Amino acid sequence: MLTFRKDLIVGESLKGKERKIVPNIKRGKIKKKGVTLITYAANGKDLFDLIPAKEMKYPVRQEQQLYVLGLAGSRGEALELVQGLVMEVYDKTGEFDVRGYFGCQ
């Protein structure tokens, strides 16, 4: 099951398109190539997972509990967003507790 952050972080290439993209991702019917989901790491040890949106069409992915922090138009853009998120958390808290900083809204 996908849960999207209330204030979804969106890469420049997808700004203004998230209202159309999110419902398609939830249904596993994403058509835009290269869309990447930024989620909390499933293993609980790492900070984030970067998941191609096209993987959401697979039942195994749909069964997972995923909290989506952001969307990017490519893996490269996702890496830039993640770098910014980590820097923001560290600058404001002096730590890397991403889950504590962003929480689940």
PDB file of N, CA and C in Angstrom:
ATOM      1  N   MET A   1       0.843  -1.181   0.000  1.00  0.00           N
ATOM      2  CA  MET A   1       0.000   0.000   0.000  1.00  0.00           C
ATOM      3  C   MET A   1       0.887   1.243   0.000  1.00  0.00           C
ATOM      4  N   LEU A   2       0.527   2.188  -0.798  1.00  0.00           N
ATOM      5  CA  LEU A   2       1.271   3.438  -0.902  1.00  0.00           C
ATOM      6  C   LEU A   2       0.616   4.528  -0.066  1.00  0.00           C
ATOM      7  N   THR A   3       1.437   5.236   0.677  1.00  0.00           N
ATOM      8  CA  THR A   3       0.996   6.427   1.379  1.00  0.00           C
ATOM      9  C   THR A   3       1.871   7.562   0.888  1.00  0.00           C
ATOM     10  N   PHE A   4       1.262   8.617   0.423  1.00  0.00           N
ATOM     11  CA  PHE A   4       2.007   9.759  -0.085  1.00  0.00           C
ATOM     12  C   PHE A   4       2.042  10.859   0.965  1.00  0.00           C
ATOM     13  N   ARG A   5       3.202  11.436   1.139  1.00  0.00           N
ATOM     14  CA  ARG A   5       3.391  12.543   2.071  1.00  0.00           C
ATOM     15  C   ARG A   5       2.449  13.679   1.681  1.00  0.00           C
ATOM     16  N   LYS A   6       1.890  14.318   2.687  1.00  0.00           N
ATOM     17  CA  LYS A   6       0.947  15.412   2.441  1.00  0.00           C
ATOM     18  C   LYS A   6       1.579  16.502   1.574  1.00  0.00           C
ATOM     19  N   ASP A   7       2.792  16.913   1.939  1.00  0.00           N
ATOM     20  CA  ASP A   7       3.515  17.929   1.169  1.00  0.00           C
ATOM     21  C   ASP A   7       4.578  17.222   0.340  1.00  0.00           C
ATOM     22  N   LEU A   8       4.132  16.551  -0.696  1.00  0.00           N
ATOM     23  CA  LEU A   8       5.004  15.747  -1.539  1.00  0.00           C
ATOM     24  C   LEU A   8       6.120  16.599  -2.139  1.00  0.00           C
ATOM     25  N   ILE A   9       7.333  16.097  -2.063  1.00  0.00           N
ATOM     26  CA  ILE A   9       8.479  16.772  -2.652  1.00  0.00           C
ATOM     27  C   ILE A   9       8.541  16.345  -4.116  1.00  0.00           C
ATOM     28  N   VAL A  10       8.544  17.306  -5.013  1.00  0.00           N
ATOM     29  CA  VAL A  10       8.456  17.003  -6.440  1.00  0.00           C
ATOM     30  C   VAL A  10       9.617  17.649  -7.184  1.00  0.00           C
ATOM     31  N   GLY A  11      10.282  16.863  -8.023  1.00  0.00           N
ATOM     32  CA  GLY A  11      11.372  17.381  -8.846  1.00  0.00           C
ATOM     33  C   GLY A  11      10.865  18.374  -9.873  1.00  0.00           C
ATOM     34  N   GLU A  12      11.758  19.231 -10.329  1.00  0.00           N
ATOM     35  CA  GLU A  12      11.397  20.282 -11.286  1.00  0.00           C
ATOM     36  C   GLU A  12      10.714  19.739 -12.542  1.00  0.00           C
ATOM     37  N   SER A  13      11.149  18.594 -13.015  1.00  0.00           N
ATOM     38  CA  SER A  13      10.593  18.057 -14.262  1.00  0.00           C
ATOM     39  C   SER A  13       9.145  17.588 -14.117  1.00  0.00           C
ATOM     40  N   LEU A  14       8.676  17.400 -12.883  1.00  0.00           N
ATOM     41  CA  LEU A  14       7.302  16.938 -12.665  1.00  0.00           C
ATOM     42  C   LEU A  14       6.409  17.978 -11.991  1.00  0.00           C
ATOM     43  N   LYS A  15       6.945  19.143 -11.699  1.00  0.00           N
ATOM     44  CA  LYS A  15       6.150  20.184 -11.026  1.00  0.00           C
ATOM     45  C   LYS A  15       4.861  20.443 -11.798  1.00  0.00           C
ATOM     46  N   GLY A  16       3.757  20.429 -11.066  1.00  0.00           N
ATOM     47  CA  GLY A  16       2.455  20.685 -11.662  1.00  0.00           C
ATOM     48  C   GLY A  16       1.807  19.460 -12.287  1.00  0.00           C
ATOM     49  N   LYS A  17       2.542  18.370 -12.395  1.00  0.00           N
ATOM     50  CA  LYS A  17       2.010  17.150 -13.006  1.00  0.00           C
ATOM     51  C   LYS A  17       1.668  16.087 -11.966  1.00  0.00           C
ATOM     52  N   GLU A  18       2.003  16.344 -10.708  1.00  0.00           N
ATOM     53  CA  GLU A  18       1.825  15.323  -9.671  1.00  0.00           C
ATOM     54  C   GLU A  18       0.372  14.914  -9.457  1.00  0.00           C
ATOM     55  N   ARG A  19      -0.562  15.822  -9.701  1.00  0.00           N
ATOM     56  CA  ARG A  19      -1.986  15.484  -9.515  1.00  0.00           C
ATOM     57  C   ARG A  19      -2.453  14.413 -10.501  1.00  0.00           C
ATOM     58  N   LYS A  20      -1.830  14.366 -11.658  1.00  0.00           N
ATOM     59  CA  LYS A  20      -2.170  13.332 -12.639  1.00  0.00           C
ATOM     60  C   LYS A  20      -1.353  12.066 -12.405  1.00  0.00           C
ATOM     61  N   ILE A  21      -0.106  12.242 -11.990  1.00  0.00           N
ATOM     62  CA  ILE A  21       0.806  11.111 -11.854  1.00  0.00           C
ATOM     63  C   ILE A  21       0.477  10.243 -10.640  1.00  0.00           C
ATOM     64  N   VAL A  22       0.190  10.851  -9.497  1.00  0.00           N
ATOM     65  CA  VAL A  22      -0.033  10.094  -8.256  1.00  0.00           C
ATOM     66  C   VAL A  22      -1.171   9.075  -8.391  1.00  0.00           C
ATOM     67  N   PRO A  23      -2.347   9.450  -8.902  1.00  0.00           N
ATOM     68  CA  PRO A  23      -3.408   8.441  -9.039  1.00  0.00           C
ATOM     69  C   PRO A  23      -3.002   7.285  -9.963  1.00  0.00           C
ATOM     70  N   ASN A  24      -2.261   7.596 -11.020  1.00  0.00           N
ATOM     71  CA  ASN A  24      -1.811   6.540 -11.926  1.00  0.00           C
ATOM     72  C   ASN A  24      -0.826   5.605 -11.241  1.00  0.00           C
ATOM     73  N   ILE A  25       0.043   6.144 -10.414  1.00  0.00           N
ATOM     74  CA  ILE A  25       0.982   5.306  -9.665  1.00  0.00           C
ATOM     75  C   ILE A  25       0.215   4.395  -8.718  1.00  0.00           C
ATOM     76  N   LYS A  26      -0.767   4.943  -8.022  1.00  0.00           N
ATOM     77  CA  LYS A  26      -1.566   4.142  -7.079  1.00  0.00           C
ATOM     78  C   LYS A  26      -2.260   2.975  -7.775  1.00  0.00           C
ATOM     79  N   ARG A  27      -2.681   3.192  -9.015  1.00  0.00           N
ATOM     80  CA  ARG A  27      -3.353   2.130  -9.772  1.00  0.00           C
ATOM     81  C   ARG A  27      -2.366   1.225 -10.506  1.00  0.00           C
ATOM     82  N   GLY A  28      -1.077   1.558 -10.460  1.00  0.00           N
ATOM     83  CA  GLY A  28      -0.070   0.770 -11.173  1.00  0.00           C
ATOM     84  C   GLY A  28      -0.135   0.983 -12.671  1.00  0.00           C
ATOM     85  N   LYS A  29      -0.593   2.152 -13.091  1.00  0.00           N
ATOM     86  CA  LYS A  29      -0.783   2.439 -14.514  1.00  0.00           C
ATOM     87  C   LYS A  29       0.041   3.645 -14.960  1.00  0.00           C
ATOM     88  N   ILE A  30       1.227   3.782 -14.447  1.00  0.00           N
ATOM     89  CA  ILE A  30       2.064   4.925 -14.809  1.00  0.00           C
ATOM     90  C   ILE A  30       2.523   4.805 -16.254  1.00  0.00           C
ATOM     91  N   LYS A  31       2.403   5.885 -17.000  1.00  0.00           N
ATOM     92  CA  LYS A  31       2.784   5.880 -18.410  1.00  0.00           C
ATOM     93  C   LYS A  31       4.044   6.692 -18.650  1.00  0.00           C
ATOM     94  N   LYS A  32       4.291   7.676 -17.812  1.00  0.00           N
ATOM     95  CA  LYS A  32       5.459   8.538 -17.988  1.00  0.00           C
ATOM     96  C   LYS A  32       6.724   7.761 -17.637  1.00  0.00           C
ATOM     97  N   LYS A  33       7.615   7.698 -18.578  1.00  0.00           N
ATOM     98  CA  LYS A  33       8.850   6.949 -18.403  1.00  0.00           C
ATOM     99  C   LYS A  33       9.812   7.694 -17.482  1.00  0.00           C
ATOM    100  N   GLY A  34      10.500   6.965 -16.631  1.00  0.00           N
ATOM    101  CA  GLY A  34      11.545   7.532 -15.794  1.00  0.00           C
ATOM    102  C   GLY A  34      11.098   8.056 -14.443  1.00  0.00           C
ATOM    103  N   VAL A  35       9.803   8.062 -14.151  1.00  0.00           N
ATOM    104  CA  VAL A  35       9.339   8.577 -12.866  1.00  0.00           C
ATOM    105  C   VAL A  35       9.879   7.677 -11.751  1.00  0.00           C
ATOM    106  N   THR A  36      10.443   8.319 -10.735  1.00  0.00           N
ATOM    107  CA  THR A  36      11.051   7.595  -9.622  1.00  0.00           C
ATOM    108  C   THR A  36      10.416   8.045  -8.313  1.00  0.00           C
ATOM    109  N   LEU A  37      10.068   7.070  -7.467  1.00  0.00           N
ATOM    110  CA  LEU A  37       9.508   7.355  -6.154  1.00  0.00           C
ATOM    111  C   LEU A  37      10.638   7.419  -5.136  1.00  0.00           C
ATOM    112  N   ILE A  38      10.583   8.380  -4.254  1.00  0.00           N
ATOM    113  CA  ILE A  38      11.527   8.469  -3.145  1.00  0.00           C
ATOM    114  C   ILE A  38      10.756   8.035  -1.902  1.00  0.00           C
ATOM    115  N   THR A  39      11.173   6.920  -1.326  1.00  0.00           N
ATOM    116  CA  THR A  39      10.489   6.364  -0.163  1.00  0.00           C
ATOM    117  C   THR A  39      11.482   6.170   0.974  1.00  0.00           C
ATOM    118  N   TYR A  40      10.953   5.986   2.177  1.00  0.00           N
ATOM    119  CA  TYR A  40      11.822   5.562   3.266  1.00  0.00           C
ATOM    120  C   TYR A  40      12.351   4.184   2.912  1.00  0.00           C
ATOM    121  N   ALA A  41      13.566   3.889   3.334  1.00  0.00           N
ATOM    122  CA  ALA A  41      14.168   2.589   3.043  1.00  0.00           C
ATOM    123  C   ALA A  41      13.367   1.473   3.704  1.00  0.00           C
ATOM    124  N   ALA A  42      13.101   0.441   2.942  1.00  0.00           N
ATOM    125  CA  ALA A  42      12.320  -0.691   3.436  1.00  0.00           C
ATOM    126  C   ALA A  42      13.066  -1.485   4.500  1.00  0.00           C
ATOM    127  N   ASN A  43      14.396  -1.481   4.433  1.00  0.00           N
ATOM    128  CA  ASN A  43      15.160  -2.290   5.378  1.00  0.00           C
ATOM    129  C   ASN A  43      15.321  -1.619   6.745  1.00  0.00           C
ATOM    130  N   GLY A  44      14.926  -0.358   6.865  1.00  0.00           N
ATOM    131  CA  GLY A  44      15.011   0.326   8.143  1.00  0.00           C
ATOM    132  C   GLY A  44      16.410   0.781   8.522  1.00  0.00           C
ATOM    133  N   LYS A  45      17.420   0.392   7.773  1.00  0.00           N
ATOM    134  CA  LYS A  45      18.801   0.769   8.071  1.00  0.00           C
ATOM    135  C   LYS A  45      19.257   1.939   7.206  1.00  0.00           C
ATOM    136  N   ASP A  46      18.899   1.905   5.943  1.00  0.00           N
ATOM    137  CA  ASP A  46      19.280   2.969   5.022  1.00  0.00           C
ATOM    138  C   ASP A  46      18.300   4.127   5.176  1.00  0.00           C
ATOM    139  N   LEU A  47      18.576   5.227   4.502  1.00  0.00           N
ATOM    140  CA  LEU A  47      17.701   6.384   4.608  1.00  0.00           C
ATOM    141  C   LEU A  47      16.538   6.326   3.629  1.00  0.00           C
ATOM    142  N   PHE A  48      16.849   6.066   2.345  1.00  0.00           N
ATOM    143  CA  PHE A  48      15.826   6.110   1.308  1.00  0.00           C
ATOM    144  C   PHE A  48      15.956   4.938   0.350  1.00  0.00           C
ATOM    145  N   ASP A  49      14.859   4.648  -0.336  1.00  0.00           N
ATOM    146  CA  ASP A  49      14.854   3.770  -1.505  1.00  0.00           C
ATOM    147  C   ASP A  49      14.388   4.613  -2.681  1.00  0.00           C
ATOM    148  N   LEU A  50      14.984   4.377  -3.831  1.00  0.00           N
ATOM    149  CA  LEU A  50      14.538   5.008  -5.072  1.00  0.00           C
ATOM    150  C   LEU A  50      13.916   3.911  -5.916  1.00  0.00           C
ATOM    151  N   ILE A  51      12.631   4.023  -6.166  1.00  0.00           N
ATOM    152  CA  ILE A  51      11.883   2.965  -6.839  1.00  0.00           C
ATOM    153  C   ILE A  51      11.297   3.494  -8.141  1.00  0.00           C
ATOM    154  N   PRO A  52      11.624   2.854  -9.261  1.00  0.00           N
ATOM    155  CA  PRO A  52      10.980   3.259 -10.518  1.00  0.00           C
ATOM    156  C   PRO A  52       9.462   3.062 -10.394  1.00  0.00           C
ATOM    157  N   ALA A  53       8.695   4.066 -10.776  1.00  0.00           N
ATOM    158  CA  ALA A  53       7.237   4.012 -10.634  1.00  0.00           C
ATOM    159  C   ALA A  53       6.636   2.845 -11.408  1.00  0.00           C
ATOM    160  N   LYS A  54       7.262   2.440 -12.495  1.00  0.00           N
ATOM    161  CA  LYS A  54       6.710   1.338 -13.287  1.00  0.00           C
ATOM    162  C   LYS A  54       6.683   0.030 -12.492  1.00  0.00           C
ATOM    163  N   GLU A  55       7.483  -0.077 -11.423  1.00  0.00           N
ATOM    164  CA  GLU A  55       7.464  -1.275 -10.587  1.00  0.00           C
ATOM    165  C   GLU A  55       6.173  -1.400  -9.779  1.00  0.00           C
ATOM    166  N   MET A  56       5.419  -0.323  -9.666  1.00  0.00           N
ATOM    167  CA  MET A  56       4.191  -0.356  -8.877  1.00  0.00           C
ATOM    168  C   MET A  56       3.094  -1.179  -9.541  1.00  0.00           C
ATOM    169  N   LYS A  57       3.317  -1.607 -10.776  1.00  0.00           N
ATOM    170  CA  LYS A  57       2.326  -2.458 -11.440  1.00  0.00           C
ATOM    171  C   LYS A  57       2.421  -3.901 -10.964  1.00  0.00           C
ATOM    172  N   TYR A  58       3.511  -4.250 -10.288  1.00  0.00           N
ATOM    173  CA  TYR A  58       3.694  -5.617  -9.810  1.00  0.00           C
ATOM    174  C   TYR A  58       3.000  -5.813  -8.463  1.00  0.00           C
ATOM    175  N   PRO A  59       2.246  -6.904  -8.329  1.00  0.00           N
ATOM    176  CA  PRO A  59       1.508  -7.146  -7.077  1.00  0.00           C
ATOM    177  C   PRO A  59       2.402  -7.133  -5.831  1.00  0.00           C
ATOM    178  N   VAL A  60       3.607  -7.642  -5.959  1.00  0.00           N
ATOM    179  CA  VAL A  60       4.510  -7.683  -4.804  1.00  0.00           C
ATOM    180  C   VAL A  60       4.812  -6.271  -4.297  1.00  0.00           C
ATOM    181  N   ARG A  61       4.943  -5.316  -5.194  1.00  0.00           N
ATOM    182  CA  ARG A  61       5.184  -3.926  -4.809  1.00  0.00           C
ATOM    183  C   ARG A  61       3.928  -3.301  -4.208  1.00  0.00           C
ATOM    184  N   GLN A  62       2.779  -3.643  -4.744  1.00  0.00           N
ATOM    185  CA  GLN A  62       1.525  -3.060  -4.266  1.00  0.00           C
ATOM    186  C   GLN A  62       1.194  -3.531  -2.850  1.00  0.00           C
ATOM    187  N   GLU A  63       1.711  -4.688  -2.473  1.00  0.00           N
ATOM    188  CA  GLU A  63       1.460  -5.222  -1.133  1.00  0.00           C
ATOM    189  C   GLU A  63       2.366  -4.595  -0.080  1.00  0.00           C
ATOM    190  N   GLN A  64       3.470  -3.987  -0.501  1.00  0.00           N
ATOM    191  CA  GLN A  64       4.407  -3.391   0.436  1.00  0.00           C
ATOM    192  C   GLN A  64       3.838  -2.101   1.027  1.00  0.00           C
ATOM    193  N   GLN A  65       4.201  -1.845   2.281  1.00  0.00           N
ATOM    194  CA  GLN A  65       3.846  -0.589   2.927  1.00  0.00           C
ATOM    195  C   GLN A  65       4.938   0.418   2.576  1.00  0.00           C
ATOM    196  N   LEU A  66       4.652   1.348   1.714  1.00  0.00           N
ATOM    197  CA  LEU A  66       5.632   2.334   1.284  1.00  0.00           C
ATOM    198  C   LEU A  66       5.123   3.740   1.598  1.00  0.00           C
ATOM    199  N   TYR A  67       5.988   4.549   2.186  1.00  0.00           N
ATOM    200  CA  TYR A  67       5.675   5.938   2.464  1.00  0.00           C
ATOM    201  C   TYR A  67       6.466   6.780   1.478  1.00  0.00           C
ATOM    202  N   VAL A  68       5.778   7.418   0.565  1.00  0.00           N
ATOM    203  CA  VAL A  68       6.422   8.171  -0.509  1.00  0.00           C
ATOM    204  C   VAL A  68       6.625   9.617  -0.073  1.00  0.00           C
ATOM    205  N   LEU A  69       7.898  10.006  -0.036  1.00  0.00           N
ATOM    206  CA  LEU A  69       8.247  11.378   0.325  1.00  0.00           C
ATOM    207  C   LEU A  69       8.257  12.292  -0.884  1.00  0.00           C
ATOM    208  N   GLY A  70       8.640  11.717  -2.044  1.00  0.00           N
ATOM    209  CA  GLY A  70       8.772  12.565  -3.209  1.00  0.00           C
ATOM    210  C   GLY A  70       8.734  11.819  -4.524  1.00  0.00           C
ATOM    211  N   LEU A  71       8.639  12.601  -5.593  1.00  0.00           N
ATOM    212  CA  LEU A  71       8.624  12.088  -6.958  1.00  0.00           C
ATOM    213  C   LEU A  71       9.653  12.857  -7.777  1.00  0.00           C
ATOM    214  N   ALA A  72      10.316  12.130  -8.649  1.00  0.00           N
ATOM    215  CA  ALA A  72      11.283  12.759  -9.546  1.00  0.00           C
ATOM    216  C   ALA A  72      11.067  12.232 -10.952  1.00  0.00           C
ATOM    217  N   GLY A  73      11.500  13.003 -11.928  1.00  0.00           N
ATOM    218  CA  GLY A  73      11.324  12.625 -13.321  1.00  0.00           C
ATOM    219  C   GLY A  73      12.371  11.655 -13.837  1.00  0.00           C
ATOM    220  N   SER A  74      13.423  11.437 -13.044  1.00  0.00           N
ATOM    221  CA  SER A  74      14.487  10.499 -13.422  1.00  0.00           C
ATOM    222  C   SER A  74      15.228  10.080 -12.166  1.00  0.00           C
ATOM    223  N   ARG A  75      16.032   9.055 -12.296  1.00  0.00           N
ATOM    224  CA  ARG A  75      16.830   8.610 -11.157  1.00  0.00           C
ATOM    225  C   ARG A  75      17.827   9.702 -10.744  1.00  0.00           C
ATOM    226  N   GLY A  76      18.417  10.365 -11.717  1.00  0.00           N
ATOM    227  CA  GLY A  76      19.355  11.446 -11.422  1.00  0.00           C
ATOM    228  C   GLY A  76      18.708  12.574 -10.641  1.00  0.00           C
ATOM    229  N   GLU A  77      17.520  12.949 -11.060  1.00  0.00           N
ATOM    230  CA  GLU A  77      16.796  14.000 -10.349  1.00  0.00           C
ATOM    231  C   GLU A  77      16.444  13.541  -8.932  1.00  0.00           C
ATOM    232  N   ALA A  78      16.087  12.261  -8.790  1.00  0.00           N
ATOM    233  CA  ALA A  78      15.780  11.703  -7.470  1.00  0.00           C
ATOM    234  C   ALA A  78      17.006  11.786  -6.559  1.00  0.00           C
ATOM    235  N   LEU A  79      18.178  11.475  -7.099  1.00  0.00           N
ATOM    236  CA  LEU A  79      19.410  11.558  -6.308  1.00  0.00           C
ATOM    237  C   LEU A  79      19.675  12.992  -5.844  1.00  0.00           C
ATOM    238  N   GLU A  80      19.405  13.955  -6.712  1.00  0.00           N
ATOM    239  CA  GLU A  80      19.578  15.359  -6.332  1.00  0.00           C
ATOM    240  C   GLU A  80      18.600  15.749  -5.221  1.00  0.00           C
ATOM    241  N   LEU A  81      17.350  15.297  -5.333  1.00  0.00           N
ATOM    242  CA  LEU A  81      16.358  15.592  -4.298  1.00  0.00           C
ATOM    243  C   LEU A  81      16.755  14.962  -2.966  1.00  0.00           C
ATOM    244  N   VAL A  82      17.215  13.722  -3.012  1.00  0.00           N
ATOM    245  CA  VAL A  82      17.627  13.021  -1.797  1.00  0.00           C
ATOM    246  C   VAL A  82      18.804  13.748  -1.149  1.00  0.00           C
ATOM    247  N   GLN A  83      19.751  14.173  -1.956  1.00  0.00           N
ATOM    248  CA  GLN A  83      20.889  14.915  -1.423  1.00  0.00           C
ATOM    249  C   GLN A  83      20.405  16.175  -0.694  1.00  0.00           C
ATOM    250  N   GLY A  84      19.466  16.878  -1.304  1.00  0.00           N
ATOM    251  CA  GLY A  84      18.905  18.074  -0.675  1.00  0.00           C
ATOM    252  C   GLY A  84      18.181  17.762   0.623  1.00  0.00           C
ATOM    253  N   LEU A  85      17.448  16.652   0.642  1.00  0.00           N
ATOM    254  CA  LEU A  85      16.722  16.256   1.852  1.00  0.00           C
ATOM    255  C   LEU A  85      17.678  15.948   2.992  1.00  0.00           C
ATOM    256  N   VAL A  86      18.717  15.191   2.687  1.00  0.00           N
ATOM    257  CA  VAL A  86      19.697  14.818   3.714  1.00  0.00           C
ATOM    258  C   VAL A  86      20.399  16.068   4.242  1.00  0.00           C
ATOM    259  N   MET A  87      20.766  16.973   3.354  1.00  0.00           N
ATOM    260  CA  MET A  87      21.428  18.210   3.770  1.00  0.00           C
ATOM    261  C   MET A  87      20.497  19.050   4.656  1.00  0.00           C
ATOM    262  N   GLU A  88      19.225  19.110   4.293  1.00  0.00           N
ATOM    263  CA  GLU A  88      18.259  19.861   5.092  1.00  0.00           C
ATOM    264  C   GLU A  88      18.152  19.283   6.498  1.00  0.00           C
ATOM    265  N   VAL A  89      18.010  17.970   6.589  1.00  0.00           N
ATOM    266  CA  VAL A  89      17.886  17.311   7.888  1.00  0.00           C
ATOM    267  C   VAL A  89      19.145  17.555   8.719  1.00  0.00           C
ATOM    268  N   TYR A  90      20.299  17.374   8.115  1.00  0.00           N
ATOM    269  CA  TYR A  90      21.550  17.538   8.860  1.00  0.00           C
ATOM    270  C   TYR A  90      21.763  18.996   9.285  1.00  0.00           C
ATOM    271  N   ASP A  91      21.480  19.934   8.396  1.00  0.00           N
ATOM    272  CA  ASP A  91      21.647  21.356   8.724  1.00  0.00           C
ATOM    273  C   ASP A  91      20.754  21.784   9.888  1.00  0.00           C
ATOM    274  N   LYS A  92      19.534  21.265   9.922  1.00  0.00           N
ATOM    275  CA  LYS A  92      18.577  21.690  10.944  1.00  0.00           C
ATOM    276  C   LYS A  92      18.705  20.923  12.253  1.00  0.00           C
ATOM    277  N   THR A  93      19.188  19.663  12.184  1.00  0.00           N
ATOM    278  CA  THR A  93      19.215  18.837  13.402  1.00  0.00           C
ATOM    279  C   THR A  93      20.607  18.382  13.812  1.00  0.00           C
ATOM    280  N   GLY A  94      21.547  18.406  12.882  1.00  0.00           N
ATOM    281  CA  GLY A  94      22.884  17.890  13.186  1.00  0.00           C
ATOM    282  C   GLY A  94      22.937  16.371  13.169  1.00  0.00           C
ATOM    283  N   GLU A  95      21.869  15.746  12.729  1.00  0.00           N
ATOM    284  CA  GLU A  95      21.774  14.284  12.669  1.00  0.00           C
ATOM    285  C   GLU A  95      21.211  13.870  11.317  1.00  0.00           C
ATOM    286  N   PHE A  96      21.104  12.552  11.133  1.00  0.00           N
ATOM    287  CA  PHE A  96      20.557  12.008   9.888  1.00  0.00           C
ATOM    288  C   PHE A  96      19.243  11.266  10.140  1.00  0.00           C
ATOM    289  N   ASP A  97      18.487  11.684  11.142  1.00  0.00           N
ATOM    290  CA  ASP A  97      17.221  11.028  11.472  1.00  0.00           C
ATOM    291  C   ASP A  97      16.124  11.552  10.542  1.00  0.00           C
ATOM    292  N   VAL A  98      16.136  11.027   9.320  1.00  0.00           N
ATOM    293  CA  VAL A  98      15.201  11.472   8.290  1.00  0.00           C
ATOM    294  C   VAL A  98      13.760  11.165   8.696  1.00  0.00           C
ATOM    295  N   ARG A  99      13.533   9.976   9.198  1.00  0.00           N
ATOM    296  CA  ARG A  99      12.164   9.591   9.596  1.00  0.00           C
ATOM    297  C   ARG A  99      11.635  10.482  10.712  1.00  0.00           C
ATOM    298  N   GLY A 100      12.482  10.810  11.667  1.00  0.00           N
ATOM    299  CA  GLY A 100      12.064  11.684  12.752  1.00  0.00           C
ATOM    300  C   GLY A 100      11.789  13.101  12.286  1.00  0.00           C
ATOM    301  N   TYR A 101      12.581  13.554  11.322  1.00  0.00           N
ATOM    302  CA  TYR A 101      12.437  14.914  10.822  1.00  0.00           C
ATOM    303  C   TYR A 101      11.182  15.079   9.962  1.00  0.00           C
ATOM    304  N   PHE A 102      10.987  14.171   9.015  1.00  0.00           N
ATOM    305  CA  PHE A 102       9.852  14.282   8.104  1.00  0.00           C
ATOM    306  C   PHE A 102       8.596  13.595   8.652  1.00  0.00           C
ATOM    307  N   GLY A 103       8.784  12.554   9.428  1.00  0.00           N
ATOM    308  CA  GLY A 103       7.652  11.843  10.008  1.00  0.00           C
ATOM    309  C   GLY A 103       6.711  11.287   8.957  1.00  0.00           C
ATOM    310  N   CYS A 104       5.660  10.685   9.408  1.00  0.00           N
ATOM    311  CA  CYS A 104       4.607  10.171   8.520  1.00  0.00           C
ATOM    312  C   CYS A 104       3.382  11.007   8.769  1.00  0.00           C
ATOM    313  N   GLN A 105       2.989  11.826   7.804  1.00  0.00           N
ATOM    314  CA  GLN A 105       1.833  12.706   7.990  1.00  0.00           C
ATOM    315  C   GLN A 105       0.577  12.038   7.508  1.00  0.00           C
TER     316      GLN A 105
END
